[in-house]
Amino acid sequence: MKKPRRSPKHFYSAERFSMKTYIQEREEMMVKIVVDNHKCTGCGTCVDTCPVGVYEVKDGKSAAVKPDECLVCRACEVQCPEAAIQVVE
């Protein structure tokens, strides 16, 4: 006996559900990266340390330009010589 074929409508609704679930899970996993500009000297250690390129030095201070790509490895927190970075889950 052959399996009934799924209609395209059924396929797309399942796809939308999966994408919605993915987006919700991603939003729950997102972190907040706080850079204390009073402590930051703009040395660039975070830029060199981050494996996914979350940071850039702008106007002489570190800035998290792609926080959504953070792996939460916390290498930036550990390596920052001024303890100016905080990764908040």
Protein backbone atom coordinates (compact mmCIF):
# COMPACT_ATOMS: atom_id res chain seq x y z
CA MET A 1 0.00 0.00 0.00
CA LYS A 2 1.35 3.38 -1.01
CA LYS A 3 1.68 6.19 1.49
CA PRO A 4 -0.51 9.16 0.75
CA ARG A 5 1.43 12.13 -0.63
CA ARG A 6 1.56 15.24 1.45
CA SER A 7 0.05 18.24 -0.12
CA PRO A 8 2.30 21.27 -0.61
CA LYS A 9 0.13 23.21 1.85
CA HIS A 10 0.87 20.67 4.60
CA PHE A 11 4.57 20.77 3.78
CA TYR A 12 4.81 24.53 3.98
CA SER A 13 2.89 24.76 7.23
CA ALA A 14 5.29 22.27 8.82
CA GLU A 15 8.20 24.29 7.45
CA ARG A 16 6.82 27.49 8.94
CA PHE A 17 6.34 25.79 12.30
CA SER A 18 9.94 24.61 12.27
CA MET A 19 11.21 28.09 11.43
CA LYS A 20 9.05 29.63 14.15
CA THR A 21 10.39 27.12 16.68
CA TYR A 22 13.96 27.82 15.55
CA ILE A 23 13.49 31.57 15.93
CA GLN A 24 11.97 31.20 19.40
CA GLU A 25 14.80 28.93 20.53
CA ARG A 26 17.40 31.30 19.08
CA GLU A 27 15.85 34.29 20.90
CA GLU A 28 15.95 32.35 24.18
CA MET A 29 19.63 31.53 23.63
CA MET A 30 20.68 35.08 22.77
CA VAL A 31 23.06 36.75 25.15
CA LYS A 32 23.66 40.35 26.06
CA ILE A 33 27.20 41.62 25.81
CA VAL A 34 28.02 44.57 28.04
CA VAL A 35 31.18 46.59 27.46
CA ASP A 36 32.00 49.06 30.23
CA ASN A 37 33.27 52.05 28.26
CA HIS A 38 34.81 53.58 31.38
CA LYS A 39 37.07 50.55 31.80
CA CYS A 40 37.68 49.75 28.12
CA THR A 41 40.99 51.05 26.76
CA GLY A 42 40.37 49.93 23.18
CA CYS A 43 43.34 47.56 23.21
CA GLY A 44 41.61 45.14 20.81
CA THR A 45 42.22 41.99 22.82
CA CYS A 46 38.55 41.06 22.50
CA VAL A 47 38.72 41.54 18.72
CA ASP A 48 41.72 39.21 18.50
CA THR A 49 40.32 36.68 20.98
CA CYS A 50 36.75 36.24 19.74
CA PRO A 51 36.56 33.20 17.43
CA VAL A 52 33.49 34.49 15.55
CA GLY A 53 34.26 38.21 15.20
CA VAL A 54 31.66 39.68 17.56
CA TYR A 55 33.79 42.75 18.37
CA GLU A 56 35.22 45.76 16.57
CA VAL A 57 37.06 48.75 17.96
CA LYS A 58 35.06 51.90 17.19
CA ASP A 59 36.01 55.39 18.36
CA GLY A 60 38.78 53.91 20.50
CA LYS A 61 36.48 51.54 22.41
CA SER A 62 35.36 47.96 21.93
CA ALA A 63 31.87 47.42 20.53
CA ALA A 64 29.90 44.20 20.16
CA VAL A 65 28.79 44.56 16.53
CA LYS A 66 27.48 41.00 16.07
CA PRO A 67 26.23 39.83 19.49
CA ASP A 68 23.81 37.38 17.87
CA GLU A 69 26.81 35.32 16.71
CA CYS A 70 28.27 34.96 20.21
CA LEU A 71 29.14 31.37 21.15
CA VAL A 72 29.19 32.19 24.88
CA CYS A 73 32.73 30.84 25.14
CA ARG A 74 33.55 33.81 27.39
CA ALA A 75 37.08 34.09 26.01
CA CYS A 76 36.58 37.85 25.72
CA GLU A 77 35.68 38.14 29.41
CA VAL A 78 38.67 36.11 30.50
CA GLN A 79 41.20 37.79 28.21
CA CYS A 80 40.11 41.41 28.67
CA PRO A 81 42.93 43.01 30.71
CA GLU A 82 40.59 45.65 32.15
CA ALA A 83 37.66 43.29 32.91
CA ALA A 84 35.48 45.59 30.83
CA ILE A 85 33.39 42.87 29.14
CA GLN A 86 30.49 40.97 30.62
CA VAL A 87 28.55 38.25 28.78
CA VAL A 88 25.07 37.98 30.29
CA GLU A 89 22.98 34.90 29.55
